Amino acid sequence: MNIDRSLITGGEQEQRAALRQALIGYGKVLGWPTHTTITFTEGLMRRPWKHGTSVQLSAVVGELRTILLAFEVRRDLAALIVELTMHVEEG
């Protein structure tokens, strides 16, 4: 994703805005509406969406990356199992 590049530029306010956009982007990849992403983020930060610090928002970005990675691993593993099963049945 090209979201990550925008996280290293700008001042604190710009960085927080970029992190919020990254969170919304990761939420969309997960199939979440914006409201769900905001609610998830607020729950982890224990503060309102607009009041999160860049450190807190970065931590939530890390959590969403971990979730996405877990989904990718699960998807890839399932595909591998199907492929191996088909190969064994053919053999």
N, C-alpha and C. Protein backbone atom coordinates (compact mmCIF):
# COMPACT_ATOMS: atom_id res chain seq x y z
N MET A 1 0.83 -1.19 0.00
CA MET A 1 0.00 0.00 0.00
C MET A 1 0.87 1.24 0.00
N ASN A 2 0.45 2.29 -0.63
CA ASN A 2 1.22 3.53 -0.66
C ASN A 2 0.84 4.45 0.49
N ILE A 3 0.02 4.00 1.40
CA ILE A 3 -0.42 4.79 2.54
C ILE A 3 0.78 5.14 3.42
N ASP A 4 1.69 4.20 3.63
CA ASP A 4 2.76 4.34 4.59
C ASP A 4 3.68 5.52 4.30
N ARG A 5 3.92 5.84 3.05
CA ARG A 5 4.84 6.91 2.69
C ARG A 5 4.38 8.26 3.23
N SER A 6 3.08 8.48 3.28
CA SER A 6 2.57 9.76 3.74
C SER A 6 2.72 9.95 5.24
N LEU A 7 3.07 8.91 5.97
CA LEU A 7 3.14 8.99 7.42
C LEU A 7 4.43 9.64 7.91
N ILE A 8 5.42 9.85 7.05
CA ILE A 8 6.71 10.35 7.51
C ILE A 8 6.94 11.82 7.19
N THR A 9 5.95 12.49 6.61
CA THR A 9 6.14 13.89 6.25
C THR A 9 5.20 14.78 7.05
N GLY A 10 5.54 16.06 7.12
CA GLY A 10 4.68 17.04 7.74
C GLY A 10 4.87 17.15 9.24
N GLY A 11 4.23 18.17 9.80
CA GLY A 11 4.26 18.39 11.24
C GLY A 11 3.31 17.43 11.94
N GLU A 12 3.18 17.64 13.23
CA GLU A 12 2.35 16.75 14.05
C GLU A 12 0.89 16.70 13.56
N GLN A 13 0.32 17.85 13.27
CA GLN A 13 -1.08 17.88 12.82
C GLN A 13 -1.23 17.16 11.48
N GLU A 14 -0.31 17.40 10.57
CA GLU A 14 -0.36 16.74 9.27
C GLU A 14 -0.12 15.23 9.41
N GLN A 15 0.78 14.89 10.33
CA GLN A 15 1.05 13.47 10.56
C GLN A 15 -0.18 12.76 11.12
N ARG A 16 -0.86 13.40 12.06
CA ARG A 16 -2.08 12.79 12.62
C ARG A 16 -3.15 12.65 11.54
N ALA A 17 -3.28 13.65 10.67
CA ALA A 17 -4.26 13.58 9.59
C ALA A 17 -3.91 12.42 8.64
N ALA A 18 -2.63 12.27 8.34
CA ALA A 18 -2.20 11.18 7.46
C ALA A 18 -2.45 9.82 8.12
N LEU A 19 -2.21 9.74 9.42
CA LEU A 19 -2.47 8.48 10.14
C LEU A 19 -3.96 8.15 10.15
N ARG A 20 -4.80 9.17 10.35
CA ARG A 20 -6.25 8.92 10.32
C ARG A 20 -6.67 8.42 8.93
N GLN A 21 -6.10 9.02 7.89
CA GLN A 21 -6.40 8.56 6.52
C GLN A 21 -5.92 7.13 6.32
N ALA A 22 -4.74 6.81 6.84
CA ALA A 22 -4.22 5.44 6.74
C ALA A 22 -5.15 4.47 7.44
N LEU A 23 -5.63 4.85 8.61
CA LEU A 23 -6.55 3.98 9.35
C LEU A 23 -7.82 3.73 8.55
N ILE A 24 -8.36 4.77 7.96
CA ILE A 24 -9.57 4.61 7.14
C ILE A 24 -9.27 3.70 5.95
N GLY A 25 -8.09 3.87 5.34
CA GLY A 25 -7.70 3.01 4.22
C GLY A 25 -7.59 1.55 4.62
N TYR A 26 -6.93 1.29 5.75
CA TYR A 26 -6.84 -0.09 6.23
C TYR A 26 -8.21 -0.65 6.58
N GLY A 27 -9.05 0.19 7.18
CA GLY A 27 -10.41 -0.25 7.48
C GLY A 27 -11.17 -0.65 6.22
N LYS A 28 -11.01 0.14 5.16
CA LYS A 28 -11.68 -0.19 3.89
C LYS A 28 -11.19 -1.53 3.34
N VAL A 29 -9.88 -1.78 3.45
CA VAL A 29 -9.34 -3.06 3.00
C VAL A 29 -9.98 -4.20 3.78
N LEU A 30 -10.25 -3.97 5.06
CA LEU A 30 -10.91 -4.98 5.88
C LEU A 30 -12.41 -5.08 5.61
N GLY A 31 -12.93 -4.13 4.82
CA GLY A 31 -14.35 -4.13 4.51
C GLY A 31 -15.18 -3.37 5.53
N TRP A 32 -14.51 -2.55 6.35
CA TRP A 32 -15.20 -1.79 7.37
C TRP A 32 -15.66 -0.45 6.83
N PRO A 33 -16.87 -0.02 7.24
CA PRO A 33 -17.24 1.36 6.95
C PRO A 33 -16.39 2.31 7.81
N THR A 34 -16.32 3.55 7.42
CA THR A 34 -15.51 4.54 8.13
C THR A 34 -15.88 4.60 9.61
N HIS A 35 -17.17 4.57 9.91
CA HIS A 35 -17.61 4.65 11.31
C HIS A 35 -17.05 3.50 12.15
N THR A 36 -16.99 2.31 11.59
CA THR A 36 -16.43 1.17 12.32
C THR A 36 -14.95 1.38 12.60
N THR A 37 -14.22 1.89 11.63
CA THR A 37 -12.80 2.17 11.82
C THR A 37 -12.59 3.21 12.90
N ILE A 38 -13.39 4.25 12.88
CA ILE A 38 -13.27 5.30 13.89
C ILE A 38 -13.59 4.74 15.27
N THR A 39 -14.65 3.96 15.38
CA THR A 39 -15.04 3.38 16.67
C THR A 39 -13.96 2.43 17.18
N PHE A 40 -13.41 1.60 16.31
CA PHE A 40 -12.33 0.69 16.68
C PHE A 40 -11.13 1.48 17.20
N THR A 41 -10.76 2.53 16.47
CA THR A 41 -9.61 3.35 16.85
C THR A 41 -9.85 4.04 18.19
N GLU A 42 -11.02 4.61 18.37
CA GLU A 42 -11.34 5.28 19.63
C GLU A 42 -11.30 4.30 20.79
N GLY A 43 -11.75 3.08 20.56
CA GLY A 43 -11.73 2.08 21.61
C GLY A 43 -10.32 1.72 22.04
N LEU A 44 -9.43 1.56 21.06
CA LEU A 44 -8.04 1.23 21.40
C LEU A 44 -7.31 2.41 22.05
N MET A 45 -7.60 3.62 21.57
CA MET A 45 -6.92 4.80 22.12
C MET A 45 -7.54 5.27 23.43
N ARG A 46 -8.79 4.91 23.63
CA ARG A 46 -9.56 5.38 24.79
C ARG A 46 -9.69 6.90 24.82
N ARG A 47 -9.88 7.45 23.62
CA ARG A 47 -10.13 8.88 23.48
C ARG A 47 -10.78 9.14 22.12
N PRO A 48 -11.38 10.31 21.94
CA PRO A 48 -12.04 10.61 20.66
C PRO A 48 -11.07 10.59 19.48
N TRP A 49 -11.60 10.28 18.33
CA TRP A 49 -10.87 10.17 17.06
C TRP A 49 -9.95 11.35 16.82
N LYS A 50 -10.44 12.57 16.93
CA LYS A 50 -9.66 13.78 16.63
C LYS A 50 -8.65 14.13 17.73
N HIS A 51 -8.72 13.45 18.86
CA HIS A 51 -7.84 13.79 19.97
C HIS A 51 -6.67 12.81 20.12
N GLY A 52 -6.60 11.83 19.23
CA GLY A 52 -5.53 10.84 19.31
C GLY A 52 -4.18 11.46 18.94
N THR A 53 -3.15 11.11 19.66
CA THR A 53 -1.81 11.57 19.34
C THR A 53 -1.26 10.73 18.19
N SER A 54 -0.18 11.19 17.59
CA SER A 54 0.42 10.41 16.50
C SER A 54 0.93 9.07 17.01
N VAL A 55 1.40 9.02 18.24
CA VAL A 55 1.86 7.76 18.82
C VAL A 55 0.69 6.79 18.96
N GLN A 56 -0.44 7.27 19.47
CA GLN A 56 -1.61 6.41 19.63
C GLN A 56 -2.16 5.95 18.28
N LEU A 57 -2.25 6.88 17.34
CA LEU A 57 -2.76 6.52 16.01
C LEU A 57 -1.82 5.53 15.32
N SER A 58 -0.51 5.72 15.49
CA SER A 58 0.46 4.79 14.91
C SER A 58 0.30 3.39 15.49
N ALA A 59 0.01 3.32 16.78
CA ALA A 59 -0.20 2.02 17.42
C ALA A 59 -1.41 1.31 16.83
N VAL A 60 -2.47 2.06 16.55
CA VAL A 60 -3.66 1.46 15.96
C VAL A 60 -3.38 1.03 14.52
N VAL A 61 -2.61 1.83 13.78
CA VAL A 61 -2.19 1.43 12.43
C VAL A 61 -1.46 0.08 12.52
N GLY A 62 -0.59 -0.06 13.50
CA GLY A 62 0.13 -1.32 13.69
C GLY A 62 -0.81 -2.48 13.96
N GLU A 63 -1.84 -2.23 14.77
CA GLU A 63 -2.82 -3.28 15.06
C GLU A 63 -3.57 -3.69 13.79
N LEU A 64 -3.97 -2.72 12.99
CA LEU A 64 -4.70 -3.05 11.76
C LEU A 64 -3.79 -3.77 10.76
N ARG A 65 -2.53 -3.39 10.71
CA ARG A 65 -1.58 -4.12 9.85
C ARG A 65 -1.47 -5.57 10.29
N THR A 66 -1.44 -5.79 11.59
CA THR A 66 -1.36 -7.16 12.12
C THR A 66 -2.60 -7.95 11.75
N ILE A 67 -3.76 -7.33 11.85
CA ILE A 67 -5.01 -8.00 11.47
C ILE A 67 -4.98 -8.34 9.98
N LEU A 68 -4.58 -7.38 9.15
CA LEU A 68 -4.51 -7.64 7.71
C LEU A 68 -3.52 -8.76 7.39
N LEU A 69 -2.38 -8.75 8.04
CA LEU A 69 -1.39 -9.80 7.82
C LEU A 69 -1.96 -11.16 8.20
N ALA A 70 -2.67 -11.23 9.32
CA ALA A 70 -3.27 -12.49 9.75
C ALA A 70 -4.29 -12.99 8.71
N PHE A 71 -5.08 -12.08 8.16
CA PHE A 71 -6.04 -12.48 7.12
C PHE A 71 -5.33 -12.97 5.87
N GLU A 72 -4.24 -12.29 5.49
CA GLU A 72 -3.48 -12.71 4.31
C GLU A 72 -2.86 -14.09 4.52
N VAL A 73 -2.29 -14.32 5.69
CA VAL A 73 -1.69 -15.62 5.98
C VAL A 73 -2.76 -16.70 5.95
N ARG A 74 -3.90 -16.42 6.54
CA ARG A 74 -4.99 -17.40 6.55
C ARG A 74 -5.46 -17.71 5.12
N ARG A 75 -5.60 -16.66 4.30
CA ARG A 75 -6.03 -16.85 2.92
C ARG A 75 -5.00 -17.68 2.14
N ASP A 76 -3.73 -17.33 2.29
CA ASP A 76 -2.68 -18.04 1.57
C ASP A 76 -2.56 -19.49 2.03
N LEU A 77 -2.70 -19.71 3.32
CA LEU A 77 -2.64 -21.07 3.85
C LEU A 77 -3.80 -21.91 3.34
N ALA A 78 -4.98 -21.33 3.30
CA ALA A 78 -6.15 -22.05 2.78
C ALA A 78 -5.95 -22.41 1.31
N ALA A 79 -5.40 -21.49 0.52
CA ALA A 79 -5.14 -21.76 -0.89
C ALA A 79 -4.11 -22.88 -1.04
N LEU A 80 -3.08 -22.87 -0.20
CA LEU A 80 -2.06 -23.91 -0.25
C LEU A 80 -2.65 -25.27 0.11
N ILE A 81 -3.51 -25.31 1.10
CA ILE A 81 -4.14 -26.58 1.50
C ILE A 81 -4.99 -27.12 0.37
N VAL A 82 -5.75 -26.25 -0.29
CA VAL A 82 -6.58 -26.69 -1.42
C VAL A 82 -5.70 -27.23 -2.53
N GLU A 83 -4.61 -26.53 -2.83
CA GLU A 83 -3.70 -26.95 -3.90
C GLU A 83 -3.07 -28.30 -3.56
N LEU A 84 -2.62 -28.47 -2.34
CA LEU A 84 -2.01 -29.74 -1.93
C LEU A 84 -3.02 -30.88 -1.95
N THR A 85 -4.23 -30.60 -1.52
CA THR A 85 -5.29 -31.62 -1.52
C THR A 85 -5.59 -32.06 -2.94
N MET A 86 -5.66 -31.14 -3.86
CA MET A 86 -5.92 -31.47 -5.27
C MET A 86 -4.76 -32.29 -5.83
N HIS A 87 -3.55 -31.93 -5.46
CA HIS A 87 -2.37 -32.64 -5.95
C HIS A 87 -2.35 -34.07 -5.43
N VAL A 88 -2.68 -34.28 -4.18
CA VAL A 88 -2.70 -35.61 -3.58
C VAL A 88 -3.80 -36.46 -4.22
N GLU A 89 -4.96 -35.88 -4.46
CA GLU A 89 -6.07 -36.61 -5.08
C GLU A 89 -5.75 -37.02 -6.50
N GLU A 90 -4.98 -36.19 -7.22
CA GLU A 90 -4.59 -36.51 -8.59
C GLU A 90 -3.51 -37.60 -8.65
N GLY A 91 -2.66 -37.60 -7.62
CA GLY A 91 -1.47 -38.44 -7.60
C GLY A 91 -1.74 -39.86 -7.39
